[in-house]
Each structure stands twice: as structure tokens, then as C-alpha cells.
Amino acid sequence: PQSPTLLPRQNMSKYKEILKARSLPRVAGGPIQELFRAIKGGPRPGSNFDYSAPLTEVVLLGGLAIRTGERIEWDAANMSVTNHPEFARYIKEPARKGWEYGEDLWDS
């Protein structure tokens, strides 16, 4: 099998050392056990909502910008596009009848 290699080969060995130094510590038991330990008061998990939720928000907004071809100005506190109010239909779709639970959670 072919693997990416830097040439000259001396550079590849230097690069491998750099990668080893940057490696994240592995979690004993995997991500689910890490989550359970965090829930029980252990250390914060590496896959933390403090950064994953805002990251997801940015990625989804990027998709909206690509889909519409427009610049998006985002008000994170109110979860709304400020420069194109008509895009609200892409942000929060109306719930079907009988599935309205929690609709007021987004109201401030």
C-alpha cells in the first residue's frame, strides 16, 4: 500500500517525530466511558459542548451561506440572521401539530 511520504526521507522521520509530540492523549475506555466519567464528576471530556456547539453552529451557517449565496450576519444570542430575516425558515422550521413541545424555549 502507498502511504504519503516526504522526500527526502530524512524529512519524513522529522515529521513523524513532530506528529508524535502533537498527539492527543488517548482516552481509556473510549469516548462513551469518557462521557460517563464526566457526568459522574470526572474531568471534562475532550468532545465538549463548550466548543462543539458553537463549531456546529458555524458549520451550519456556512452551509446556509453557500445555499443562499448571501453573506450571513448572525446574532447568536437570538439565533437569528440579522441581515436576511427571511432566512428564519431555514434556522427553525415550524413544528408539526402535536410536536410543539419546547417551542417557547427559544423565546427570551
PDB file of N, CA and C in Angstrom:
ATOM      1  N   PRO A   1       0.828  -1.196   0.000  1.00  0.00           N
ATOM      2  CA  PRO A   1       0.000   0.000   0.000  1.00  0.00           C
ATOM      3  C   PRO A   1       0.868   1.253   0.000  1.00  0.00           C
ATOM      4  N   GLN A   2       0.353   2.266  -0.625  1.00  0.00           N
ATOM      5  CA  GLN A   2       1.094   3.517  -0.686  1.00  0.00           C
ATOM      6  C   GLN A   2       0.715   4.403   0.490  1.00  0.00           C
ATOM      7  N   SER A   3       1.702   5.005   1.075  1.00  0.00           N
ATOM      8  CA  SER A   3       1.489   5.952   2.159  1.00  0.00           C
ATOM      9  C   SER A   3       2.149   7.259   1.770  1.00  0.00           C
ATOM     10  N   PRO A   4       1.601   8.383   2.202  1.00  0.00           N
ATOM     11  CA  PRO A   4       2.252   9.649   1.889  1.00  0.00           C
ATOM     12  C   PRO A   4       3.645   9.695   2.507  1.00  0.00           C
ATOM     13  N   THR A   5       4.601  10.185   1.758  1.00  0.00           N
ATOM     14  CA  THR A   5       5.978  10.263   2.231  1.00  0.00           C
ATOM     15  C   THR A   5       6.579  11.587   1.802  1.00  0.00           C
ATOM     16  N   LEU A   6       7.277  12.224   2.723  1.00  0.00           N
ATOM     17  CA  LEU A   6       8.023  13.428   2.384  1.00  0.00           C
ATOM     18  C   LEU A   6       9.381  13.019   1.841  1.00  0.00           C
ATOM     19  N   LEU A   7       9.816  13.725   0.837  1.00  0.00           N
ATOM     20  CA  LEU A   7      11.142  13.468   0.282  1.00  0.00           C
ATOM     21  C   LEU A   7      11.992  14.702   0.483  1.00  0.00           C
ATOM     22  N   PRO A   8      13.242  14.597   0.768  1.00  0.00           N
ATOM     23  CA  PRO A   8      13.981  13.366   1.046  1.00  0.00           C
ATOM     24  C   PRO A   8      13.482  12.692   2.322  1.00  0.00           C
ATOM     25  N   ARG A   9      13.746  11.417   2.435  1.00  0.00           N
ATOM     26  CA  ARG A   9      13.207  10.596   3.521  1.00  0.00           C
ATOM     27  C   ARG A   9      13.607  11.088   4.914  1.00  0.00           C
ATOM     28  N   GLN A  10      14.724  11.798   5.029  1.00  0.00           N
ATOM     29  CA  GLN A  10      15.117  12.336   6.338  1.00  0.00           C
ATOM     30  C   GLN A  10      14.034  13.290   6.859  1.00  0.00           C
ATOM     31  N   ASN A  11      13.388  14.013   5.957  1.00  0.00           N
ATOM     32  CA  ASN A  11      12.325  14.936   6.360  1.00  0.00           C
ATOM     33  C   ASN A  11      11.123  14.183   6.922  1.00  0.00           C
ATOM     34  N   MET A  12      10.862  12.993   6.390  1.00  0.00           N
ATOM     35  CA  MET A  12       9.726  12.210   6.866  1.00  0.00           C
ATOM     36  C   MET A  12       9.941  11.782   8.312  1.00  0.00           C
ATOM     37  N   SER A  13      11.147  11.375   8.657  1.00  0.00           N
ATOM     38  CA  SER A  13      11.396  10.953  10.040  1.00  0.00           C
ATOM     39  C   SER A  13      11.250  12.138  10.992  1.00  0.00           C
ATOM     40  N   LYS A  14      11.678  13.330  10.578  1.00  0.00           N
ATOM     41  CA  LYS A  14      11.492  14.524  11.408  1.00  0.00           C
ATOM     42  C   LYS A  14      10.001  14.821  11.586  1.00  0.00           C
ATOM     43  N   TYR A  15       9.255  14.674  10.502  1.00  0.00           N
ATOM     44  CA  TYR A  15       7.820  14.947  10.538  1.00  0.00           C
ATOM     45  C   TYR A  15       7.102  13.974  11.471  1.00  0.00           C
ATOM     46  N   LYS A  16       7.485  12.704  11.438  1.00  0.00           N
ATOM     47  CA  LYS A  16       6.865  11.710  12.320  1.00  0.00           C
ATOM     48  C   LYS A  16       7.097  12.056  13.781  1.00  0.00           C
ATOM     49  N   GLU A  17       8.264  12.577  14.110  1.00  0.00           N
ATOM     50  CA  GLU A  17       8.552  12.984  15.487  1.00  0.00           C
ATOM     51  C   GLU A  17       7.652  14.150  15.902  1.00  0.00           C
ATOM     52  N   ILE A  18       7.432  15.085  14.985  1.00  0.00           N
ATOM     53  CA  ILE A  18       6.553  16.220  15.273  1.00  0.00           C
ATOM     54  C   ILE A  18       5.130  15.722  15.524  1.00  0.00           C
ATOM     55  N   LEU A  19       4.668  14.790  14.700  1.00  0.00           N
ATOM     56  CA  LEU A  19       3.315  14.255  14.869  1.00  0.00           C
ATOM     57  C   LEU A  19       3.158  13.545  16.209  1.00  0.00           C
ATOM     58  N   LYS A  20       4.162  12.791  16.620  1.00  0.00           N
ATOM     59  CA  LYS A  20       4.091  12.101  17.911  1.00  0.00           C
ATOM     60  C   LYS A  20       3.969  13.105  19.047  1.00  0.00           C
ATOM     61  N   ALA A  21       4.692  14.198  18.955  1.00  0.00           N
ATOM     62  CA  ALA A  21       4.665  15.211  20.010  1.00  0.00           C
ATOM     63  C   ALA A  21       3.304  15.897  20.089  1.00  0.00           C
ATOM     64  N   ARG A  22       2.601  16.014  18.973  1.00  0.00           N
ATOM     65  CA  ARG A  22       1.310  16.701  18.942  1.00  0.00           C
ATOM     66  C   ARG A  22       0.133  15.780  19.235  1.00  0.00           C
ATOM     67  N   SER A  23       0.362  14.524  19.372  1.00  0.00           N
ATOM     68  CA  SER A  23      -0.720  13.564  19.549  1.00  0.00           C
ATOM     69  C   SER A  23      -1.495  13.841  20.839  1.00  0.00           C
ATOM     70  N   LEU A  24      -2.799  13.734  20.754  1.00  0.00           N
ATOM     71  CA  LEU A  24      -3.643  13.911  21.932  1.00  0.00           C
ATOM     72  C   LEU A  24      -3.629  12.633  22.757  1.00  0.00           C
ATOM     73  N   PRO A  25      -3.741  12.764  24.058  1.00  0.00           N
ATOM     74  CA  PRO A  25      -3.770  11.554  24.881  1.00  0.00           C
ATOM     75  C   PRO A  25      -5.014  10.725  24.576  1.00  0.00           C
ATOM     76  N   ARG A  26      -4.853   9.432  24.552  1.00  0.00           N
ATOM     77  CA  ARG A  26      -5.971   8.535  24.284  1.00  0.00           C
ATOM     78  C   ARG A  26      -6.788   8.348  25.551  1.00  0.00           C
ATOM     79  N   VAL A  27      -8.060   8.122  25.369  1.00  0.00           N
ATOM     80  CA  VAL A  27      -8.986   8.007  26.487  1.00  0.00           C
ATOM     81  C   VAL A  27      -9.203   6.535  26.811  1.00  0.00           C
ATOM     82  N   ALA A  28      -9.010   6.182  28.060  1.00  0.00           N
ATOM     83  CA  ALA A  28      -9.243   4.802  28.482  1.00  0.00           C
ATOM     84  C   ALA A  28     -10.729   4.485  28.387  1.00  0.00           C
ATOM     85  N   GLY A  29     -11.075   3.430  27.694  1.00  0.00           N
ATOM     86  CA  GLY A  29     -12.466   3.019  27.583  1.00  0.00           C
ATOM     87  C   GLY A  29     -13.221   3.656  26.436  1.00  0.00           C
ATOM     88  N   GLY A  30     -12.625   4.604  25.741  1.00  0.00           N
ATOM     89  CA  GLY A  30     -13.275   5.234  24.597  1.00  0.00           C
ATOM     90  C   GLY A  30     -14.130   6.429  24.987  1.00  0.00           C
ATOM     91  N   PRO A  31     -14.747   7.063  23.990  1.00  0.00           N
ATOM     92  CA  PRO A  31     -15.473   8.307  24.236  1.00  0.00           C
ATOM     93  C   PRO A  31     -16.723   8.151  25.105  1.00  0.00           C
ATOM     94  N   ILE A  32     -17.381   7.014  25.042  1.00  0.00           N
ATOM     95  CA  ILE A  32     -18.587   6.828  25.857  1.00  0.00           C
ATOM     96  C   ILE A  32     -18.215   6.762  27.337  1.00  0.00           C
ATOM     97  N   GLN A  33     -17.170   6.014  27.653  1.00  0.00           N
ATOM     98  CA  GLN A  33     -16.716   5.942  29.044  1.00  0.00           C
ATOM     99  C   GLN A  33     -16.230   7.305  29.521  1.00  0.00           C
ATOM    100  N   GLU A  34     -15.584   8.040  28.632  1.00  0.00           N
ATOM    101  CA  GLU A  34     -15.125   9.386  28.974  1.00  0.00           C
ATOM    102  C   GLU A  34     -16.324  10.276  29.326  1.00  0.00           C
ATOM    103  N   LEU A  35     -17.389  10.169  28.548  1.00  0.00           N
ATOM    104  CA  LEU A  35     -18.602  10.938  28.814  1.00  0.00           C
ATOM    105  C   LEU A  35     -19.206  10.551  30.159  1.00  0.00           C
ATOM    106  N   PHE A  36     -19.303   9.249  30.431  1.00  0.00           N
ATOM    107  CA  PHE A  36     -19.871   8.794  31.707  1.00  0.00           C
ATOM    108  C   PHE A  36     -19.044   9.297  32.886  1.00  0.00           C
ATOM    109  N   ARG A  37     -17.716   9.272  32.758  1.00  0.00           N
ATOM    110  CA  ARG A  37     -16.863   9.783  33.842  1.00  0.00           C
ATOM    111  C   ARG A  37     -17.115  11.266  34.071  1.00  0.00           C
ATOM    112  N   ALA A  38     -17.287  12.015  32.988  1.00  0.00           N
ATOM    113  CA  ALA A  38     -17.547  13.454  33.114  1.00  0.00           C
ATOM    114  C   ALA A  38     -18.893  13.702  33.791  1.00  0.00           C
ATOM    115  N   ILE A  39     -19.899  12.924  33.429  1.00  0.00           N
ATOM    116  CA  ILE A  39     -21.227  13.069  34.034  1.00  0.00           C
ATOM    117  C   ILE A  39     -21.159  12.804  35.532  1.00  0.00           C
ATOM    118  N   LYS A  40     -20.314  11.857  35.913  1.00  0.00           N
ATOM    119  CA  LYS A  40     -20.186  11.495  37.332  1.00  0.00           C
ATOM    120  C   LYS A  40     -19.233  12.417  38.086  1.00  0.00           C
ATOM    121  N   GLY A  41     -18.819  13.514  37.459  1.00  0.00           N
ATOM    122  CA  GLY A  41     -17.978  14.480  38.151  1.00  0.00           C
ATOM    123  C   GLY A  41     -16.502  14.384  37.825  1.00  0.00           C
ATOM    124  N   GLY A  42     -16.145  13.548  36.873  1.00  0.00           N
ATOM    125  CA  GLY A  42     -14.745  13.411  36.474  1.00  0.00           C
ATOM    126  C   GLY A  42     -14.303  14.572  35.605  1.00  0.00           C
ATOM    127  N   PRO A  43     -13.161  14.432  34.961  1.00  0.00           N
ATOM    128  CA  PRO A  43     -12.661  15.523  34.116  1.00  0.00           C
ATOM    129  C   PRO A  43     -13.568  15.767  32.912  1.00  0.00           C
ATOM    130  N   ARG A  44     -13.507  16.983  32.402  1.00  0.00           N
ATOM    131  CA  ARG A  44     -14.310  17.327  31.228  1.00  0.00           C
ATOM    132  C   ARG A  44     -13.872  16.472  30.042  1.00  0.00           C
ATOM    133  N   PRO A  45     -14.827  16.014  29.249  1.00  0.00           N
ATOM    134  CA  PRO A  45     -14.464  15.192  28.090  1.00  0.00           C
ATOM    135  C   PRO A  45     -13.820  16.032  26.995  1.00  0.00           C
ATOM    136  N   GLY A  46     -13.040  15.379  26.160  1.00  0.00           N
ATOM    137  CA  GLY A  46     -12.416  16.078  25.040  1.00  0.00           C
ATOM    138  C   GLY A  46     -13.444  16.575  24.040  1.00  0.00           C
ATOM    139  N   SER A  47     -14.534  15.847  23.893  1.00  0.00           N
ATOM    140  CA  SER A  47     -15.606  16.258  22.979  1.00  0.00           C
ATOM    141  C   SER A  47     -16.635  17.042  23.779  1.00  0.00           C
ATOM    142  N   ASN A  48     -16.285  18.268  24.088  1.00  0.00           N
ATOM    143  CA  ASN A  48     -17.069  19.085  24.994  1.00  0.00           C
ATOM    144  C   ASN A  48     -18.017  20.003  24.230  1.00  0.00           C
ATOM    145  N   PHE A  49     -19.223  20.191  24.759  1.00  0.00           N
ATOM    146  CA  PHE A  49     -20.202  21.058  24.107  1.00  0.00           C
ATOM    147  C   PHE A  49     -19.789  22.524  24.120  1.00  0.00           C
ATOM    148  N   ASP A  50     -18.863  22.900  25.002  1.00  0.00           N
ATOM    149  CA  ASP A  50     -18.418  24.295  25.051  1.00  0.00           C
ATOM    150  C   ASP A  50     -17.849  24.756  23.718  1.00  0.00           C
ATOM    151  N   TYR A  51     -17.212  23.857  23.000  1.00  0.00           N
ATOM    152  CA  TYR A  51     -16.712  24.252  21.681  1.00  0.00           C
ATOM    153  C   TYR A  51     -17.443  23.546  20.551  1.00  0.00           C
ATOM    154  N   SER A  52     -17.997  22.367  20.801  1.00  0.00           N
ATOM    155  CA  SER A  52     -18.630  21.647  19.700  1.00  0.00           C
ATOM    156  C   SER A  52     -19.941  22.293  19.256  1.00  0.00           C
ATOM    157  N   ALA A  53     -20.708  22.855  20.182  1.00  0.00           N
ATOM    158  CA  ALA A  53     -21.967  23.504  19.796  1.00  0.00           C
ATOM    159  C   ALA A  53     -21.710  24.754  18.947  1.00  0.00           C
ATOM    160  N   PRO A  54     -20.819  25.669  19.375  1.00  0.00           N
ATOM    161  CA  PRO A  54     -20.538  26.825  18.515  1.00  0.00           C
ATOM    162  C   PRO A  54     -19.909  26.426  17.171  1.00  0.00           C
ATOM    163  N   LEU A  55     -19.079  25.392  17.181  1.00  0.00           N
ATOM    164  CA  LEU A  55     -18.479  24.935  15.930  1.00  0.00           C
ATOM    165  C   LEU A  55     -19.558  24.425  14.979  1.00  0.00           C
ATOM    166  N   THR A  56     -20.501  23.652  15.496  1.00  0.00           N
ATOM    167  CA  THR A  56     -21.604  23.155  14.676  1.00  0.00           C
ATOM    168  C   THR A  56     -22.423  24.317  14.120  1.00  0.00           C
ATOM    169  N   GLU A  57     -22.650  25.318  14.955  1.00  0.00           N
ATOM    170  CA  GLU A  57     -23.402  26.500  14.527  1.00  0.00           C
ATOM    171  C   GLU A  57     -22.710  27.182  13.347  1.00  0.00           C
ATOM    172  N   VAL A  58     -21.397  27.337  13.434  1.00  0.00           N
ATOM    173  CA  VAL A  58     -20.638  27.984  12.358  1.00  0.00           C
ATOM    174  C   VAL A  58     -20.703  27.163  11.075  1.00  0.00           C
ATOM    175  N   VAL A  59     -20.559  25.850  11.198  1.00  0.00           N
ATOM    176  CA  VAL A  59     -20.598  24.986  10.016  1.00  0.00           C
ATOM    177  C   VAL A  59     -21.967  25.062   9.343  1.00  0.00           C
ATOM    178  N   LEU A  60     -23.031  25.013  10.136  1.00  0.00           N
ATOM    179  CA  LEU A  60     -24.375  25.091   9.567  1.00  0.00           C
ATOM    180  C   LEU A  60     -24.638  26.451   8.926  1.00  0.00           C
ATOM    181  N   LEU A  61     -24.121  27.510   9.532  1.00  0.00           N
ATOM    182  CA  LEU A  61     -24.277  28.837   8.936  1.00  0.00           C
ATOM    183  C   LEU A  61     -23.497  28.942   7.627  1.00  0.00           C
ATOM    184  N   GLY A  62     -22.347  28.281   7.575  1.00  0.00           N
ATOM    185  CA  GLY A  62     -21.600  28.234   6.320  1.00  0.00           C
ATOM    186  C   GLY A  62     -22.406  27.551   5.231  1.00  0.00           C
ATOM    187  N   GLY A  63     -23.094  26.473   5.600  1.00  0.00           N
ATOM    188  CA  GLY A  63     -23.969  25.791   4.645  1.00  0.00           C
ATOM    189  C   GLY A  63     -25.096  26.687   4.169  1.00  0.00           C
ATOM    190  N   LEU A  64     -25.652  27.475   5.089  1.00  0.00           N
ATOM    191  CA  LEU A  64     -26.715  28.411   4.727  1.00  0.00           C
ATOM    192  C   LEU A  64     -26.186  29.479   3.775  1.00  0.00           C
ATOM    193  N   ALA A  65     -24.992  29.979   4.044  1.00  0.00           N
ATOM    194  CA  ALA A  65     -24.395  30.992   3.169  1.00  0.00           C
ATOM    195  C   ALA A  65     -24.148  30.429   1.772  1.00  0.00           C
ATOM    196  N   ILE A  66     -23.677  29.203   1.707  1.00  0.00           N
ATOM    197  CA  ILE A  66     -23.442  28.575   0.400  1.00  0.00           C
ATOM    198  C   ILE A  66     -24.769  28.328  -0.314  1.00  0.00           C
ATOM    199  N   ARG A  67     -25.748  27.840   0.429  1.00  0.00           N
ATOM    200  CA  ARG A  67     -27.060  27.525  -0.158  1.00  0.00           C
ATOM    201  C   ARG A  67     -27.726  28.766  -0.737  1.00  0.00           C
ATOM    202  N   THR A  68     -27.621  29.883  -0.024  1.00  0.00           N
ATOM    203  CA  THR A  68     -28.303  31.100  -0.453  1.00  0.00           C
ATOM    204  C   THR A  68     -27.428  32.007  -1.305  1.00  0.00           C
ATOM    205  N   GLY A  69     -26.109  31.823  -1.214  1.00  0.00           N
ATOM    206  CA  GLY A  69     -25.200  32.698  -1.947  1.00  0.00           C
ATOM    207  C   GLY A  69     -25.117  34.089  -1.346  1.00  0.00           C
ATOM    208  N   GLU A  70     -25.505  34.215  -0.090  1.00  0.00           N
ATOM    209  CA  GLU A  70     -25.538  35.519   0.575  1.00  0.00           C
ATOM    210  C   GLU A  70     -24.611  35.546   1.780  1.00  0.00           C
ATOM    211  N   ARG A  71     -24.198  36.749   2.144  1.00  0.00           N
ATOM    212  CA  ARG A  71     -23.432  36.954   3.369  1.00  0.00           C
ATOM    213  C   ARG A  71     -24.401  36.840   4.547  1.00  0.00           C
ATOM    214  N   ILE A  72     -23.986  36.116   5.586  1.00  0.00           N
ATOM    215  CA  ILE A  72     -24.840  35.899   6.749  1.00  0.00           C
ATOM    216  C   ILE A  72     -24.296  36.704   7.924  1.00  0.00           C
ATOM    217  N   GLU A  73     -25.142  37.531   8.509  1.00  0.00           N
ATOM    218  CA  GLU A  73     -24.806  38.222   9.754  1.00  0.00           C
ATOM    219  C   GLU A  73     -25.645  37.569  10.841  1.00  0.00           C
ATOM    220  N   TRP A  74     -24.970  36.923  11.784  1.00  0.00           N
ATOM    221  CA  TRP A  74     -25.621  36.046  12.746  1.00  0.00           C
ATOM    222  C   TRP A  74     -25.654  36.659  14.134  1.00  0.00           C
ATOM    223  N   ASP A  75     -26.817  36.648  14.750  1.00  0.00           N
ATOM    224  CA  ASP A  75     -26.991  37.058  16.142  1.00  0.00           C
ATOM    225  C   ASP A  75     -27.127  35.770  16.951  1.00  0.00           C
ATOM    226  N   ALA A  76     -26.025  35.321  17.540  1.00  0.00           N
ATOM    227  CA  ALA A  76     -26.011  34.032  18.237  1.00  0.00           C
ATOM    228  C   ALA A  76     -26.937  34.026  19.447  1.00  0.00           C
ATOM    229  N   ALA A  77     -27.003  35.133  20.164  1.00  0.00           N
ATOM    230  CA  ALA A  77     -27.837  35.180  21.369  1.00  0.00           C
ATOM    231  C   ALA A  77     -29.308  34.955  21.036  1.00  0.00           C
ATOM    232  N   ASN A  78     -29.749  35.471  19.890  1.00  0.00           N
ATOM    233  CA  ASN A  78     -31.154  35.331  19.495  1.00  0.00           C
ATOM    234  C   ASN A  78     -31.371  34.279  18.414  1.00  0.00           C
ATOM    235  N   MET A  79     -30.294  33.605  18.036  1.00  0.00           N
ATOM    236  CA  MET A  79     -30.345  32.576  16.994  1.00  0.00           C
ATOM    237  C   MET A  79     -31.101  33.060  15.763  1.00  0.00           C
ATOM    238  N   SER A  80     -30.626  34.178  15.207  1.00  0.00           N
ATOM    239  CA  SER A  80     -31.306  34.723  14.037  1.00  0.00           C
ATOM    240  C   SER A  80     -30.305  35.382  13.089  1.00  0.00           C
ATOM    241  N   VAL A  81     -30.676  35.388  11.823  1.00  0.00           N
ATOM    242  CA  VAL A  81     -29.905  36.087  10.802  1.00  0.00           C
ATOM    243  C   VAL A  81     -30.421  37.515  10.785  1.00  0.00           C
ATOM    244  N   THR A  82     -29.539  38.479  11.031  1.00  0.00           N
ATOM    245  CA  THR A  82     -29.989  39.869  11.156  1.00  0.00           C
ATOM    246  C   THR A  82     -30.132  40.581   9.819  1.00  0.00           C
ATOM    247  N   ASN A  83     -29.356  40.190   8.825  1.00  0.00           N
ATOM    248  CA  ASN A  83     -29.416  40.913   7.556  1.00  0.00           C
ATOM    249  C   ASN A  83     -30.369  40.279   6.535  1.00  0.00           C
ATOM    250  N   HIS A  84     -30.911  39.119   6.829  1.00  0.00           N
ATOM    251  CA  HIS A  84     -31.887  38.464   5.950  1.00  0.00           C
ATOM    252  C   HIS A  84     -32.947  37.774   6.809  1.00  0.00           C
ATOM    253  N   PRO A  85     -33.911  38.512   7.337  1.00  0.00           N
ATOM    254  CA  PRO A  85     -34.922  37.894   8.211  1.00  0.00           C
ATOM    255  C   PRO A  85     -35.680  36.749   7.538  1.00  0.00           C
ATOM    256  N   GLU A  86     -35.744  36.766   6.215  1.00  0.00           N
ATOM    257  CA  GLU A  86     -36.464  35.702   5.507  1.00  0.00           C
ATOM    258  C   GLU A  86     -35.770  34.344   5.631  1.00  0.00           C
ATOM    259  N   PHE A  87     -34.518  34.325   6.090  1.00  0.00           N
ATOM    260  CA  PHE A  87     -33.799  33.063   6.267  1.00  0.00           C
ATOM    261  C   PHE A  87     -34.213  32.335   7.541  1.00  0.00           C
ATOM    262  N   ALA A  88     -35.079  32.953   8.337  1.00  0.00           N
ATOM    263  CA  ALA A  88     -35.533  32.319   9.583  1.00  0.00           C
ATOM    264  C   ALA A  88     -36.153  30.954   9.303  1.00  0.00           C
ATOM    265  N   ARG A  89     -36.742  30.791   8.137  1.00  0.00           N
ATOM    266  CA  ARG A  89     -37.365  29.496   7.804  1.00  0.00           C
ATOM    267  C   ARG A  89     -36.336  28.379   7.705  1.00  0.00           C
ATOM    268  N   TYR A  90     -35.070  28.728   7.447  1.00  0.00           N
ATOM    269  CA  TYR A  90     -34.015  27.716   7.403  1.00  0.00           C
ATOM    270  C   TYR A  90     -33.444  27.438   8.793  1.00  0.00           C
ATOM    271  N   ILE A  91     -33.585  28.394   9.695  1.00  0.00           N
ATOM    272  CA  ILE A  91     -32.995  28.262  11.027  1.00  0.00           C
ATOM    273  C   ILE A  91     -33.869  27.401  11.926  1.00  0.00           C
ATOM    274  N   LYS A  92     -35.138  27.696  11.980  1.00  0.00           N
ATOM    275  CA  LYS A  92     -36.051  26.973  12.867  1.00  0.00           C
ATOM    276  C   LYS A  92     -37.337  26.715  12.111  1.00  0.00           C
ATOM    277  N   GLU A  93     -37.498  25.486  11.689  1.00  0.00           N
ATOM    278  CA  GLU A  93     -38.719  25.133  10.973  1.00  0.00           C
ATOM    279  C   GLU A  93     -39.872  25.021  11.957  1.00  0.00           C
ATOM    280  N   PRO A  94     -41.080  25.396  11.527  1.00  0.00           N
ATOM    281  CA  PRO A  94     -42.225  25.250  12.428  1.00  0.00           C
ATOM    282  C   PRO A  94     -42.483  23.769  12.737  1.00  0.00           C
ATOM    283  N   ALA A  95     -42.844  23.506  13.969  1.00  0.00           N
ATOM    284  CA  ALA A  95     -43.127  22.128  14.378  1.00  0.00           C
ATOM    285  C   ALA A  95     -44.499  21.705  13.864  1.00  0.00           C
ATOM    286  N   ARG A  96     -44.625  20.426  13.554  1.00  0.00           N
ATOM    287  CA  ARG A  96     -45.922  19.894  13.144  1.00  0.00           C
ATOM    288  C   ARG A  96     -46.863  19.857  14.343  1.00  0.00           C
ATOM    289  N   LYS A  97     -48.133  19.882  14.061  1.00  0.00           N
ATOM    290  CA  LYS A  97     -49.140  19.850  15.115  1.00  0.00           C
ATOM    291  C   LYS A  97     -48.935  18.601  15.976  1.00  0.00           C
ATOM    292  N   GLY A  98     -48.929  18.818  17.285  1.00  0.00           N
ATOM    293  CA  GLY A  98     -48.718  17.722  18.219  1.00  0.00           C
ATOM    294  C   GLY A  98     -47.262  17.564  18.646  1.00  0.00           C
ATOM    295  N   TRP A  99     -46.345  18.262  17.968  1.00  0.00           N
ATOM    296  CA  TRP A  99     -44.916  18.165  18.277  1.00  0.00           C
ATOM    297  C   TRP A  99     -44.364  19.514  18.726  1.00  0.00           C
ATOM    298  N   GLU A 100     -45.199  20.361  19.281  1.00  0.00           N
ATOM    299  CA  GLU A 100     -44.806  21.723  19.625  1.00  0.00           C
ATOM    300  C   GLU A 100     -44.040  21.843  20.931  1.00  0.00           C
ATOM    301  N   TYR A 101     -43.798  20.764  21.634  1.00  0.00           N
ATOM    302  CA  TYR A 101     -43.152  20.826  22.945  1.00  0.00           C
ATOM    303  C   TYR A 101     -41.842  21.598  22.874  1.00  0.00           C
ATOM    304  N   GLY A 102     -41.677  22.535  23.783  1.00  0.00           N
ATOM    305  CA  GLY A 102     -40.426  23.279  23.874  1.00  0.00           C
ATOM    306  C   GLY A 102     -40.305  24.427  22.905  1.00  0.00           C
ATOM    307  N   GLU A 103     -41.364  24.741  22.187  1.00  0.00           N
ATOM    308  CA  GLU A 103     -41.288  25.842  21.223  1.00  0.00           C
ATOM    309  C   GLU A 103     -40.938  27.161  21.895  1.00  0.00           C
ATOM    310  N   ASP A 104     -41.322  27.328  23.154  1.00  0.00           N
ATOM    311  CA  ASP A 104     -41.047  28.579  23.854  1.00  0.00           C
ATOM    312  C   ASP A 104     -39.648  28.615  24.468  1.00  0.00           C
ATOM    313  N   LEU A 105     -38.870  27.554  24.309  1.00  0.00           N
ATOM    314  CA  LEU A 105     -37.520  27.541  24.870  1.00  0.00           C
ATOM    315  C   LEU A 105     -36.631  28.593  24.224  1.00  0.00           C
ATOM    316  N   TRP A 106     -36.893  28.933  22.973  1.00  0.00           N
ATOM    317  CA  TRP A 106     -36.047  29.882  22.251  1.00  0.00           C
ATOM    318  C   TRP A 106     -36.482  31.317  22.481  1.00  0.00           C
ATOM    319  N   ASP A 107     -37.653  31.513  23.086  1.00  0.00           N
ATOM    320  CA  ASP A 107     -38.124  32.871  23.349  1.00  0.00           C
ATOM    321  C   ASP A 107     -37.420  33.416  24.584  1.00  0.00           C
ATOM    322  N   SER A 108     -36.945  34.630  24.485  1.00  0.00           N
ATOM    323  CA  SER A 108     -36.254  35.243  25.631  1.00  0.00           C
ATOM    324  C   SER A 108     -37.203  36.094  26.437  1.00  0.00           C
TER     325      SER A 108
END
